């Protein structure tokens, strides 16, 4: 049985998270989906198939309060007479997007007010001259917080293996000048890249700013008490802030495996916090295997916040990996997080001393679903390790396999090495061609391959463009060894009133359920589910191209836009979108 739904009073109404274009004369439809720091644009042809000379969409946008539209740029263009792409013609007005959906990251997404998008169908005649069709236009508000003053979904950028990172920052210095190359030395690492401030803000994205803001607010409120549980912990800008809190902070730091080594960054952080906060305010533990939480709770006069999610307080967690942090506000979530902390924070007892009371924690109310009582949002949280009586893994697997009716989008680190109920449930849903499934893991996942070419696809995995990169792309960095796709979330039926998302530090595995210290939330809310859906879709699209390139038999092939068919047997670029079952579902679902 899944966590029961709750009814909470509604918050102040935010702007719509899905908006449609209203131009009846346009040949296509437009739907905008609000993400956090991003917009999903989805288009569909109104009647039948597009004409043969349709070559894609031009996309422009206007910022709140602005008077000028800016055209998005494409990274692909049409080949010129010499077989090359002119980099001066990559505006989508000249190099249209040959896709029926696109995720856009506005430069100033935090601005309040309407972002206005204008999408125009582009056509090409026999002389390669482009012409415009009737456009669709629609406004959408992104702002910064998902539900202002209540709940904020935030993401790290997770795109060091991207052309955007290469163009913006790699040209001015290697990634080793931005991010600590060795975890154990992280607390003593100082970036030397000339664009450090801008680069770290771009890489850390909203998750970084929201987490640092939470700690800065705690420092400013001299009555605030803070509780932090850290797994990977080697980021100076976090430790420096915790030291400023003095004895107002209590901290639990994982001491499993490498974290328990005396030379680890976690051991160094412990020593510094013992000095600033006091020995009785700092605890090392690993529960049954890992203390895998990454939570911050602040109980003050002016700030009452909890940070949940997958974002480790580390260089990689903030600046290399794809991660999420959910920041919620209110006394109830603060009380629940403080209670869970107290249930973890047990002084060492016995001989030899032990402070990893797995059975004791599993018997506490913290290990069951607890309503966060967020106004207008059905949100519940639980903490691991669970007992046999309140374990959540089978419950989640049943919800995925038996109750998914429309779509399943997921971003799950370690799915490749996580056999069990959720892996099997995802495999079962993936094999159901009536349900739309996209997923991403950090490595290739065996056992989820679907043979039907018209059905769902196996999950893609994080990959970068290597030395055989096809033109016009450049080689991309990996950000060092280790996981790059670190999310742990699953979105079920984002397009239905029953939309819900599971998220947290919880890896959807037996150890996460019964051994580790973890946080896990279920949120039944379409606005939040859509935000996570867009993140999953963005990552899927980003890496699916890279996976295809790494596994293709022929590498180094030049990539370019397709002109209209001009020879017998040629098909237009959009043919698969109207003939391949999976792509038809994709086109219809989001638009």
Protein backbone atom coordinates (compact mmCIF):
# COMPACT_ATOMS: atom_id res chain seq x y z
CA UNK A 1 0.00 0.00 0.00
CA UNK A 2 1.43 3.37 -1.01
CA UNK A 3 1.57 6.40 1.25
CA UNK A 4 -1.97 7.75 1.70
CA UNK A 5 -2.84 11.03 0.03
CA UNK A 6 -3.36 14.08 2.20
CA UNK A 7 -5.41 17.24 1.87
CA UNK A 8 -3.72 20.50 2.80
CA UNK A 9 -5.00 24.07 2.40
CA UNK A 10 -3.99 25.62 -0.93
CA UNK A 11 -1.10 28.05 -1.28
CA UNK A 12 -1.32 31.38 -3.04
CA UNK A 13 -1.93 30.47 -6.67
CA UNK A 14 1.29 30.46 -8.72
CA UNK A 15 1.24 31.08 -12.45
CA UNK A 16 0.28 28.23 -14.76
CA UNK A 17 2.89 25.53 -15.24
CA UNK A 18 1.49 24.56 -18.66
CA UNK A 19 0.51 27.20 -21.20
CA UNK A 20 -0.63 26.80 -24.82
CA UNK A 21 -0.40 29.01 -27.87
CA UNK A 22 -3.74 30.33 -29.10
CA UNK A 23 -3.13 31.26 -32.74
CA UNK A 24 -5.89 29.43 -34.60
CA UNK A 25 -4.26 30.27 -37.93
CA UNK A 26 -1.00 28.48 -37.09
CA UNK A 27 -0.52 25.05 -38.64
CA UNK A 28 0.79 23.58 -35.39
CA UNK A 29 0.12 23.63 -31.66
CA UNK A 30 2.48 24.89 -28.97
CA UNK A 31 2.57 23.91 -25.30
CA UNK A 32 5.01 25.39 -22.78
CA UNK A 33 5.84 23.40 -19.64
CA UNK A 34 7.40 25.23 -16.68
CA UNK A 35 10.54 23.70 -15.28
CA UNK A 36 12.87 25.03 -12.60
CA UNK A 37 15.34 27.20 -14.45
CA UNK A 38 14.11 25.76 -17.76
CA UNK A 39 11.19 25.59 -20.19
CA UNK A 40 10.01 22.65 -22.27
CA UNK A 41 8.50 23.70 -25.60
CA UNK A 42 6.42 21.01 -27.32
CA UNK A 43 4.97 21.32 -30.81
CA UNK A 44 2.62 19.18 -32.89
CA UNK A 45 1.17 19.47 -36.38
CA UNK A 46 -2.57 20.14 -36.20
CA UNK A 47 -3.79 18.14 -39.19
CA UNK A 48 -2.11 15.12 -40.71
CA UNK A 49 1.56 15.38 -41.56
CA UNK A 50 3.62 18.49 -42.33
CA UNK A 51 4.38 19.33 -45.97
CA UNK A 52 7.61 18.02 -47.46
CA UNK A 53 9.22 21.48 -47.45
CA UNK A 54 8.83 21.94 -43.67
CA UNK A 55 12.38 22.08 -42.25
CA UNK A 56 11.82 22.76 -38.55
CA UNK A 57 10.96 25.41 -35.99
CA UNK A 58 12.53 28.76 -35.22
CA UNK A 59 12.35 29.54 -31.50
CA UNK A 60 12.60 33.03 -30.01
CA UNK A 61 12.00 34.34 -26.51
CA UNK A 62 11.57 37.64 -24.72
CA UNK A 63 12.52 38.17 -21.08
CA UNK A 64 10.11 39.70 -18.54
CA UNK A 65 9.98 43.45 -19.05
CA UNK A 66 11.93 43.18 -22.29
CA UNK A 67 11.07 44.60 -25.70
CA UNK A 68 13.22 42.39 -27.91
CA UNK A 69 12.96 38.76 -28.95
CA UNK A 70 16.15 36.69 -29.00
CA UNK A 71 16.47 33.69 -31.29
CA UNK A 72 17.74 30.46 -29.78
CA UNK A 73 20.78 29.00 -31.48
CA UNK A 74 21.10 25.57 -32.99
CA UNK A 75 24.34 23.57 -32.93
CA UNK A 76 23.47 22.04 -36.28
CA UNK A 77 23.02 23.84 -39.58
CA UNK A 78 22.50 23.19 -43.28
CA UNK A 79 25.59 22.27 -45.29
CA UNK A 80 26.77 24.94 -47.70
CA UNK A 81 28.04 24.35 -51.23
CA UNK A 82 31.44 23.26 -49.92
CA UNK A 83 29.91 20.75 -47.51
CA UNK A 84 30.41 22.81 -44.36
CA UNK A 85 28.14 24.51 -41.82
CA UNK A 86 28.53 28.28 -41.57
CA UNK A 87 28.77 29.09 -37.82
CA UNK A 88 27.30 32.54 -38.53
CA UNK A 89 23.98 31.00 -39.58
CA UNK A 90 23.13 28.97 -36.46
CA UNK A 91 20.25 31.15 -35.28
CA UNK A 92 17.15 28.99 -35.38
CA UNK A 93 15.72 31.57 -37.80
CA UNK A 94 18.32 30.26 -40.26
CA UNK A 95 18.99 26.80 -38.79
CA UNK A 96 15.62 25.61 -37.45
CA UNK A 97 15.24 23.03 -34.71
CA UNK A 98 14.37 19.70 -36.34
CA UNK A 99 12.61 18.30 -33.31
CA UNK A 100 9.05 18.53 -32.01
CA UNK A 101 10.19 19.51 -28.53
CA UNK A 102 13.03 21.50 -27.03
CA UNK A 103 14.25 22.30 -23.51
CA UNK A 104 15.45 25.89 -23.13
CA UNK A 105 17.54 27.26 -20.26
CA UNK A 106 16.96 31.04 -20.23
CA UNK A 107 19.99 33.04 -19.15
CA UNK A 108 17.96 34.92 -16.51
CA UNK A 109 15.35 32.32 -15.57
CA UNK A 110 15.01 33.76 -12.05
CA UNK A 111 13.37 36.97 -13.32
CA UNK A 112 9.79 37.54 -12.17
CA UNK A 113 7.14 38.01 -14.83
CA UNK A 114 6.31 36.53 -18.22
CA UNK A 115 8.83 34.90 -20.50
CA UNK A 116 7.26 35.08 -23.95
CA UNK A 117 8.11 32.38 -26.45
CA UNK A 118 7.48 32.70 -30.19
CA UNK A 119 7.78 29.57 -32.32
CA UNK A 120 7.65 29.78 -36.11
CA UNK A 121 7.51 26.93 -38.64
CA UNK A 122 10.17 27.30 -41.33
CA UNK A 123 9.92 26.12 -44.93
CA UNK A 124 12.56 25.74 -47.68
CA UNK A 125 11.94 26.05 -51.40
CA UNK A 126 13.78 24.36 -54.27
CA UNK A 127 16.41 27.13 -54.23
CA UNK A 128 17.15 26.59 -50.50
CA UNK A 129 15.43 29.85 -49.57
CA UNK A 130 13.75 29.84 -46.16
CA UNK A 131 10.31 31.29 -45.47
CA UNK A 132 8.21 31.63 -42.32
CA UNK A 133 4.80 30.23 -41.55
CA UNK A 134 2.26 31.52 -39.05
CA UNK A 135 3.80 31.51 -35.53
CA UNK A 136 2.49 30.49 -32.14
CA UNK A 137 3.25 32.64 -29.11
CA UNK A 138 2.67 32.08 -25.39
CA UNK A 139 3.80 33.54 -22.04
CA UNK A 140 4.99 31.55 -19.04
CA UNK A 141 6.37 32.55 -15.65
CA UNK A 142 9.45 30.71 -14.44
CA UNK A 143 10.57 32.87 -11.48
CA UNK A 144 12.88 31.16 -8.99
CA UNK A 145 10.78 29.16 -6.56
CA UNK A 146 8.43 26.38 -7.59
CA UNK A 147 5.93 27.34 -4.86
CA UNK A 148 7.22 30.62 -3.37
CA UNK A 149 7.77 30.36 0.36
CA UNK A 150 6.65 26.70 0.45
CA UNK A 151 8.65 24.37 -1.79
CA UNK A 152 11.45 24.90 -4.28
CA UNK A 153 12.68 22.24 -6.71
CA UNK A 154 16.30 22.93 -7.63
CA UNK A 155 18.88 21.23 -9.81
CA UNK A 156 22.60 21.33 -10.38
CA UNK A 157 23.58 21.87 -14.00
CA UNK A 158 25.20 18.44 -14.39
CA UNK A 159 26.47 19.42 -17.83
CA UNK A 160 30.27 19.48 -17.65
CA UNK A 161 30.10 16.89 -20.44
CA UNK A 162 28.40 19.38 -22.73
CA UNK A 163 29.13 21.74 -25.58
CA UNK A 164 27.83 24.63 -23.47
CA UNK A 165 30.50 24.01 -20.81
CA UNK A 166 33.19 23.67 -23.47
CA UNK A 167 32.19 26.95 -25.13
CA UNK A 168 31.75 28.93 -21.92
CA UNK A 169 34.58 27.77 -19.68
CA UNK A 170 36.81 24.98 -20.97
CA UNK A 171 38.29 27.33 -23.55
CA UNK A 172 39.72 29.40 -20.67
CA UNK A 173 41.15 26.58 -18.58
CA UNK A 174 40.83 22.84 -17.82
CA UNK A 175 38.19 21.56 -15.44
CA UNK A 176 40.93 20.64 -12.94
CA UNK A 177 41.31 24.39 -12.30
CA UNK A 178 37.65 24.58 -11.26
CA UNK A 179 36.90 21.36 -9.37
CA UNK A 180 39.08 19.51 -6.86
CA UNK A 181 40.56 16.52 -8.74
CA UNK A 182 40.96 14.43 -5.56
CA UNK A 183 38.15 14.20 -2.98
CA UNK A 184 40.50 13.89 0.00
CA UNK A 185 42.08 17.23 -0.90
CA UNK A 186 38.81 19.02 -1.51
CA UNK A 187 38.81 21.15 1.64
CA UNK A 188 42.21 22.59 0.74
CA UNK A 189 41.52 23.13 -2.96
CA UNK A 190 41.29 26.66 -4.35
CA UNK A 191 40.14 27.11 -7.97
CA UNK A 192 42.52 29.02 -10.24
CA UNK A 193 40.32 29.25 -13.33
CA UNK A 194 39.97 32.89 -14.50
CA UNK A 195 36.17 32.57 -14.65
CA UNK A 196 35.78 30.70 -11.35
CA UNK A 197 32.89 32.74 -9.90
CA UNK A 198 30.77 32.62 -13.05
CA UNK A 199 31.64 29.01 -13.81
CA UNK A 200 30.76 27.66 -10.37
CA UNK A 201 27.48 29.60 -10.35
CA UNK A 202 26.64 28.15 -13.78
CA UNK A 203 27.65 24.59 -12.84
CA UNK A 204 25.94 24.58 -9.44
CA UNK A 205 22.82 26.22 -10.89
CA UNK A 206 19.78 26.65 -8.59
CA UNK A 207 20.70 23.84 -6.19
CA UNK A 208 23.93 25.54 -5.20
CA UNK A 209 22.34 28.95 -4.72
CA UNK A 210 19.41 27.55 -2.72
CA UNK A 211 21.62 25.46 -0.40
CA UNK A 212 24.07 28.30 0.25
CA UNK A 213 21.17 30.71 0.78
CA UNK A 214 19.68 28.38 3.39
CA UNK A 215 22.95 28.32 5.35
CA UNK A 216 23.47 32.06 4.98
CA UNK A 217 19.97 32.66 6.36
CA UNK A 218 20.78 30.40 9.29
CA UNK A 219 23.97 32.34 10.02
CA UNK A 220 22.06 35.64 9.89
CA UNK A 221 19.38 34.37 12.32
CA UNK A 222 21.24 34.20 15.63
CA UNK A 223 18.46 32.04 17.10
CA UNK A 224 18.63 29.40 14.37
CA UNK A 225 19.59 25.83 15.24
CA UNK A 226 20.94 23.75 12.36
CA UNK A 227 21.16 20.00 11.75
CA UNK A 228 23.29 18.61 8.92
CA UNK A 229 23.80 15.02 7.74
CA UNK A 230 26.56 14.62 5.16
CA UNK A 231 27.81 11.70 3.08
CA UNK A 232 30.48 13.06 0.69
CA UNK A 233 31.71 16.20 2.46
CA UNK A 234 34.65 18.09 0.98
CA UNK A 235 33.33 21.49 -0.09
CA UNK A 236 34.99 24.49 1.60
CA UNK A 237 32.07 26.88 1.03
CA UNK A 238 29.83 24.55 3.07
CA UNK A 239 32.27 23.83 5.87
CA UNK A 240 33.19 27.51 6.22
CA UNK A 241 29.53 28.35 6.77
CA UNK A 242 29.01 25.56 9.30
CA UNK A 243 31.99 26.79 11.29
CA UNK A 244 30.40 30.24 11.51
CA UNK A 245 27.39 28.68 13.26
CA UNK A 246 29.49 27.61 16.23
CA UNK A 247 27.60 25.44 18.70
CA UNK A 248 24.27 26.17 16.97
CA UNK A 249 24.96 23.34 14.51
CA UNK A 250 25.00 19.59 15.02
CA UNK A 251 26.49 17.43 12.29
CA UNK A 252 26.53 13.73 11.38
CA UNK A 253 29.22 12.71 8.87
CA UNK A 254 29.44 9.33 7.18
CA UNK A 255 32.49 7.22 8.09
CA UNK A 256 32.07 4.27 5.73
CA UNK A 257 34.96 2.97 3.65
CA UNK A 258 37.11 5.84 2.28
CA UNK A 259 35.22 8.39 4.37
CA UNK A 260 36.53 6.70 7.49
CA UNK A 261 40.19 7.07 6.54
CA UNK A 262 42.13 9.51 8.77
CA UNK A 263 43.28 11.46 5.71
CA UNK A 264 39.80 11.80 4.20
CA UNK A 265 38.13 15.17 3.75
CA UNK A 266 35.35 13.90 6.01
CA UNK A 267 37.86 13.31 8.83
CA UNK A 268 39.29 16.77 8.27
CA UNK A 269 35.80 18.28 8.39
CA UNK A 270 35.07 16.43 11.61
CA UNK A 271 38.19 17.84 13.28
CA UNK A 272 37.37 21.39 12.26
CA UNK A 273 33.74 21.12 13.38
CA UNK A 274 34.74 19.63 16.73
CA UNK A 275 36.76 22.81 17.24
CA UNK A 276 34.00 25.19 16.16
CA UNK A 277 30.85 23.37 17.36
CA UNK A 278 32.13 21.12 20.14
CA UNK A 279 32.81 17.39 20.39
CA UNK A 280 29.28 16.59 21.55
CA UNK A 281 27.81 18.21 18.43
CA UNK A 282 29.67 16.10 15.86
CA UNK A 283 29.08 12.39 15.19
CA UNK A 284 30.52 9.90 12.70
CA UNK A 285 28.40 6.91 11.65
CA UNK A 286 27.50 4.64 8.75
CA UNK A 287 24.34 2.90 9.99
CA UNK A 288 24.14 -0.60 8.44
CA UNK A 289 26.33 0.39 5.49
CA UNK A 290 26.25 4.11 4.68
CA UNK A 291 24.97 7.28 6.29
CA UNK A 292 23.88 8.42 2.85
CA UNK A 293 21.69 11.42 3.73
CA UNK A 294 22.43 14.89 2.39
CA UNK A 295 20.06 16.94 4.52
CA UNK A 296 20.15 20.38 6.10
CA UNK A 297 17.46 21.51 8.55
CA UNK A 298 17.23 25.04 9.98
CA UNK A 299 14.93 25.96 12.85
CA UNK A 300 15.15 29.69 13.47
CA UNK A 301 13.05 32.72 14.16
CA UNK A 302 13.20 33.99 10.58
CA UNK A 303 14.01 30.80 8.67
CA UNK A 304 12.49 27.33 8.91
CA UNK A 305 13.76 25.20 6.05
CA UNK A 306 14.78 21.65 5.18
CA UNK A 307 16.95 20.61 2.24
CA UNK A 308 16.20 17.10 0.94
CA UNK A 309 17.46 15.35 -2.19
CA UNK A 310 20.53 13.81 -3.80
CA UNK A 311 23.06 16.67 -3.73
CA UNK A 312 26.18 15.78 -1.79
CA UNK A 313 28.04 18.59 -0.03
CA UNK A 314 31.05 18.01 -2.26
CA UNK A 315 32.81 19.37 -5.32
CA UNK A 316 31.37 16.67 -7.54
CA UNK A 317 27.93 16.87 -5.93
CA UNK A 318 27.62 20.58 -6.67
CA UNK A 319 29.63 21.02 -9.85
CA UNK A 320 29.99 17.79 -11.85
CA UNK A 321 27.02 15.54 -11.17
CA UNK A 322 23.38 15.92 -12.16
CA UNK A 323 21.64 16.31 -8.79
CA UNK A 324 18.52 17.76 -7.24
CA UNK A 325 17.72 19.45 -3.96
CA UNK A 326 14.18 20.07 -2.72
CA UNK A 327 13.98 22.95 -0.25
CA UNK A 328 10.78 23.08 1.80
CA UNK A 329 9.67 25.69 4.30
CA UNK A 330 7.57 25.23 7.43
CA UNK A 331 7.62 24.14 11.05
CA UNK A 332 6.32 20.63 10.35
CA UNK A 333 9.09 19.58 7.93
CA UNK A 334 11.67 21.15 10.26
CA UNK A 335 10.30 19.21 13.24
CA UNK A 336 10.33 15.96 11.24
CA UNK A 337 13.92 16.50 10.08
CA UNK A 338 15.09 17.39 13.59
CA UNK A 339 13.36 14.28 14.98
CA UNK A 340 15.06 12.07 12.38
CA UNK A 341 18.41 13.67 13.20
CA UNK A 342 17.92 12.98 16.90
CA UNK A 343 17.01 9.37 16.12
CA UNK A 344 20.27 9.00 14.18
CA UNK A 345 22.38 10.96 16.67
CA UNK A 346 22.99 8.36 19.35
CA UNK A 347 26.28 8.58 21.31
CA UNK A 348 28.50 5.54 20.92
CA UNK A 349 27.76 2.79 23.43
CA UNK A 350 29.16 -0.65 24.24
CA UNK A 351 32.60 -2.15 23.82
CA UNK A 352 33.65 -1.62 21.11
CA UNK A 353 31.46 1.51 20.92
CA UNK A 354 28.69 1.50 18.32
CA UNK A 355 26.42 4.31 17.16
CA UNK A 356 24.76 2.65 14.17
CA UNK A 357 21.44 1.52 15.64
CA UNK A 358 19.69 0.25 12.51
CA UNK A 359 16.96 -1.67 14.32
CA UNK A 360 16.36 1.16 16.74
CA UNK A 361 15.92 3.71 13.98
CA UNK A 362 13.61 1.45 11.99
CA UNK A 363 11.25 1.32 14.96
CA UNK A 364 10.94 5.11 15.15
CA UNK A 365 8.16 7.20 13.55
CA UNK A 366 10.85 8.79 11.34
CA UNK A 367 11.03 5.52 9.39
CA UNK A 368 7.43 5.75 8.21
CA UNK A 369 5.64 8.23 5.95
CA UNK A 370 5.09 11.60 7.61
CA UNK A 371 3.02 14.41 6.11
CA UNK A 372 5.08 17.57 5.55
CA UNK A 373 1.87 19.64 5.72
CA UNK A 374 2.88 21.92 2.89
CA UNK A 375 -0.03 24.22 1.95
CA UNK A 376 -1.79 22.84 -1.12
CA UNK A 377 0.85 20.15 -1.74
CA UNK A 378 0.50 16.46 -0.91
CA UNK A 379 4.05 15.70 0.23
CA UNK A 380 5.32 13.04 2.60
CA UNK A 381 8.81 12.13 3.79
CA UNK A 382 10.40 9.11 5.38
CA UNK A 383 13.92 8.23 6.48
CA UNK A 384 15.87 4.96 6.25
CA UNK A 385 16.81 2.45 7.51
CA UNK A 386 13.38 0.85 7.66
CA UNK A 387 12.24 -2.21 9.53
CA UNK A 388 10.54 -5.18 7.87
CA UNK A 389 7.21 -3.70 8.91
CA UNK A 390 7.67 -0.25 7.37
CA UNK A 391 10.00 -1.02 4.42
CA UNK A 392 9.22 1.04 1.31
CA UNK A 393 10.95 -0.69 -1.61
CA UNK A 394 8.21 -3.17 -2.49
CA UNK A 395 5.59 -0.47 -1.98
CA UNK A 396 7.28 1.80 -4.52
CA UNK A 397 7.81 -1.07 -6.96
CA UNK A 398 4.13 -1.98 -6.79
CA UNK A 399 3.13 1.63 -7.43
CA UNK A 400 5.40 1.78 -10.49
CA UNK A 401 4.37 -1.57 -11.97
CA UNK A 402 0.66 -1.67 -11.13
CA UNK A 403 -0.41 1.98 -11.08
CA UNK A 404 1.50 3.65 -13.93
CA UNK A 405 -1.07 4.38 -16.65
CA UNK A 406 0.49 6.92 -19.01
CA UNK A 407 4.19 7.66 -18.55
CA UNK A 408 7.25 6.84 -16.50
CA UNK A 409 10.32 9.08 -16.56
CA UNK A 410 13.21 8.39 -14.26
CA UNK A 411 16.76 9.40 -13.50
CA UNK A 412 18.30 6.78 -11.25
CA UNK A 413 21.97 6.55 -10.41
CA UNK A 414 23.25 3.01 -9.80
CA UNK A 415 20.26 1.38 -11.51
CA UNK A 416 22.83 -0.71 -13.40
CA UNK A 417 23.91 -2.37 -10.14
CA UNK A 418 20.58 -2.36 -8.30
CA UNK A 419 18.72 -5.63 -8.91
CA UNK A 420 15.47 -6.04 -7.10
CA UNK A 421 11.87 -4.93 -6.96
CA UNK A 422 12.15 -1.45 -8.50
CA UNK A 423 14.51 -2.60 -11.26
CA UNK A 424 12.03 -5.37 -12.11
CA UNK A 425 9.06 -2.99 -11.96
CA UNK A 426 10.75 -0.57 -14.36
CA UNK A 427 11.55 -3.47 -16.69
CA UNK A 428 7.89 -4.55 -16.66
CA UNK A 429 6.63 -1.05 -17.44
CA UNK A 430 9.30 -0.54 -20.11
CA UNK A 431 8.03 -3.66 -21.87
CA UNK A 432 4.50 -2.22 -21.97
CA UNK A 433 4.19 -0.32 -25.25
CA UNK A 434 1.05 1.44 -24.01
CA UNK A 435 3.14 3.38 -21.49
CA UNK A 436 5.71 6.00 -22.47
CA UNK A 437 9.05 5.35 -20.74
CA UNK A 438 12.27 7.35 -20.80
CA UNK A 439 15.06 6.81 -18.31
CA UNK A 440 18.68 7.58 -17.60
CA UNK A 441 21.23 5.89 -15.38
CA UNK A 442 24.90 6.56 -14.75
CA UNK A 443 26.01 3.41 -16.59
CA UNK A 444 24.52 1.02 -19.12
CA UNK A 445 21.75 -1.03 -17.51
CA UNK A 446 21.44 -4.70 -18.37
CA UNK A 447 18.06 -6.40 -18.23
CA UNK A 448 16.09 -3.38 -19.42
CA UNK A 449 16.66 -3.75 -23.15
CA UNK A 450 13.44 -3.96 -25.15
CA UNK A 451 13.58 -5.81 -28.46
CA UNK A 452 10.53 -4.25 -30.13
CA UNK A 453 11.90 -1.36 -32.22
CA UNK A 454 8.54 0.41 -32.04
CA UNK A 455 8.37 0.27 -28.26
CA UNK A 456 10.18 1.96 -25.40
CA UNK A 457 13.95 2.23 -25.34
CA UNK A 458 16.49 1.03 -22.81
CA UNK A 459 17.73 3.77 -20.48
CA UNK A 460 20.55 5.93 -21.74
CA UNK A 461 23.59 6.51 -19.57
CA UNK A 462 25.96 9.42 -18.97
CA UNK A 463 28.61 9.72 -21.65
CA UNK A 464 30.74 12.47 -23.13
CA UNK A 465 31.81 13.25 -26.67
CA UNK A 466 35.27 11.73 -26.98
CA UNK A 467 38.19 12.11 -29.35
CA UNK A 468 36.22 10.93 -32.40
CA UNK A 469 33.64 13.67 -31.93
CA UNK A 470 31.68 14.42 -35.13
CA UNK A 471 31.69 17.93 -36.56
CA UNK A 472 30.64 20.56 -35.52
CA UNK A 473 31.09 19.38 -31.91
CA UNK A 474 34.16 19.57 -29.68
CA UNK A 475 35.53 17.00 -27.21
CA UNK A 476 34.03 17.27 -23.72
CA UNK A 477 35.46 16.68 -20.23
CA UNK A 478 34.19 14.05 -17.81
CA UNK A 479 34.94 15.96 -14.62
CA UNK A 480 37.12 13.13 -13.33
CA UNK A 481 36.26 9.55 -12.47
CA UNK A 482 33.05 8.61 -10.72
CA UNK A 483 29.33 9.04 -11.17
CA UNK A 484 28.08 11.99 -13.21
CA UNK A 485 24.38 11.17 -13.23
CA UNK A 486 23.57 11.10 -9.51
CA UNK A 487 19.82 11.78 -9.38
CA UNK A 488 17.44 9.41 -7.64
CA UNK A 489 13.91 10.25 -8.80
CA UNK A 490 11.01 8.64 -10.60
CA UNK A 491 8.09 10.54 -12.15
CA UNK A 492 4.84 8.66 -12.68
CA UNK A 493 2.03 9.93 -14.95
CA UNK A 494 3.17 13.58 -15.05
CA UNK A 495 0.32 14.37 -17.44
CA UNK A 496 -2.44 13.03 -15.18
CA UNK A 497 -4.16 14.37 -12.03
CA UNK A 498 -2.51 11.42 -10.24
CA UNK A 499 0.99 12.70 -11.11
CA UNK A 500 3.58 11.91 -8.47
CA UNK A 501 7.33 11.84 -8.00
CA UNK A 502 9.55 9.82 -5.67
CA UNK A 503 12.82 11.57 -4.83
CA UNK A 504 15.60 11.85 -2.28
CA UNK A 505 18.98 10.28 -1.53
CA UNK A 506 17.31 6.84 -1.63
CA UNK A 507 18.78 4.59 -4.36
CA UNK A 508 15.66 2.38 -4.71
CA UNK A 509 17.63 -0.64 -3.49
CA UNK A 510 17.57 -3.06 -0.56
CA UNK A 511 20.53 -1.35 1.16
CA UNK A 512 18.85 2.05 0.77
CA UNK A 513 15.67 0.62 2.26
CA UNK A 514 16.96 -1.47 5.15
CA UNK A 515 20.60 -0.51 5.89
CA UNK A 516 21.53 3.05 4.96
CA UNK A 517 20.62 6.41 6.36
CA UNK A 518 18.50 7.97 3.57
CA UNK A 519 15.76 10.50 2.85
CA UNK A 520 12.83 9.64 0.59
CA UNK A 521 9.83 11.74 -0.39
CA UNK A 522 6.67 11.16 -2.38
CA UNK A 523 5.01 14.27 -3.78
CA UNK A 524 1.64 14.15 -5.49
CA UNK A 525 1.59 17.46 -7.32
CA UNK A 526 1.60 18.09 -11.07
CA UNK A 527 3.63 21.31 -10.97
CA UNK A 528 6.45 19.56 -9.12
CA UNK A 529 6.13 16.36 -11.16
CA UNK A 530 6.38 18.36 -14.40
CA UNK A 531 9.54 20.05 -13.15
CA UNK A 532 11.21 16.68 -12.51
CA UNK A 533 9.85 15.35 -15.81
CA UNK A 534 11.59 18.15 -17.72
CA UNK A 535 14.87 17.48 -15.92
CA UNK A 536 14.63 13.79 -16.84
CA UNK A 537 13.78 14.62 -20.44
CA UNK A 538 16.59 17.15 -20.71
CA UNK A 539 19.16 14.65 -19.45
CA UNK A 540 17.77 11.87 -21.63
CA UNK A 541 18.05 14.03 -24.75
CA UNK A 542 21.46 15.38 -23.75
CA UNK A 543 23.04 11.98 -23.28
CA UNK A 544 21.14 9.91 -25.84
CA UNK A 545 23.05 11.69 -28.59
CA UNK A 546 26.33 11.02 -26.81
CA UNK A 547 25.53 7.35 -26.23
CA UNK A 548 24.66 6.95 -29.91
CA UNK A 549 27.96 8.50 -30.92
CA UNK A 550 30.03 6.37 -28.53
CA UNK A 551 28.40 3.15 -29.72
CA UNK A 552 28.08 3.94 -33.43
CA UNK A 553 30.10 1.81 -35.85
CA UNK A 554 31.12 4.86 -37.84
CA UNK A 555 32.51 7.79 -35.87
CA UNK A 556 33.51 11.21 -37.00
CA UNK A 557 30.56 11.60 -39.36
CA UNK A 558 29.54 15.20 -39.97
CA UNK A 559 26.21 16.15 -38.40
CA UNK A 560 23.90 18.63 -40.13
CA UNK A 561 20.28 19.62 -40.74
CA UNK A 562 18.24 17.90 -43.43
CA UNK A 563 16.90 19.74 -46.46
CA UNK A 564 13.54 18.72 -47.97
CA UNK A 565 13.55 15.43 -49.91
CA UNK A 566 14.61 16.01 -53.50
CA UNK A 567 15.41 12.55 -54.81
CA UNK A 568 13.35 9.42 -55.17
CA UNK A 569 13.19 7.47 -51.93
CA UNK A 570 14.31 10.36 -49.70
CA UNK A 571 12.21 11.07 -46.63
CA UNK A 572 11.75 14.31 -44.70
CA UNK A 573 13.50 14.80 -41.35
CA UNK A 574 10.19 14.41 -39.52
CA UNK A 575 9.19 11.07 -41.07
CA UNK A 576 10.04 8.97 -37.99
CA UNK A 577 8.00 11.31 -35.78
CA UNK A 578 4.88 10.26 -37.70
CA UNK A 579 5.67 6.61 -38.46
CA UNK A 580 7.64 5.16 -35.51
CA UNK A 581 5.37 4.29 -32.59
CA UNK A 582 7.70 5.51 -29.84
CA UNK A 583 8.29 8.85 -31.56
CA UNK A 584 4.58 9.28 -32.22
CA UNK A 585 3.92 8.83 -28.50
CA UNK A 586 6.69 11.30 -27.70
CA UNK A 587 5.24 13.94 -30.04
CA UNK A 588 1.69 13.56 -28.74
CA UNK A 589 2.42 13.21 -25.02
CA UNK A 590 4.25 16.48 -24.44
CA UNK A 591 2.28 18.61 -26.91
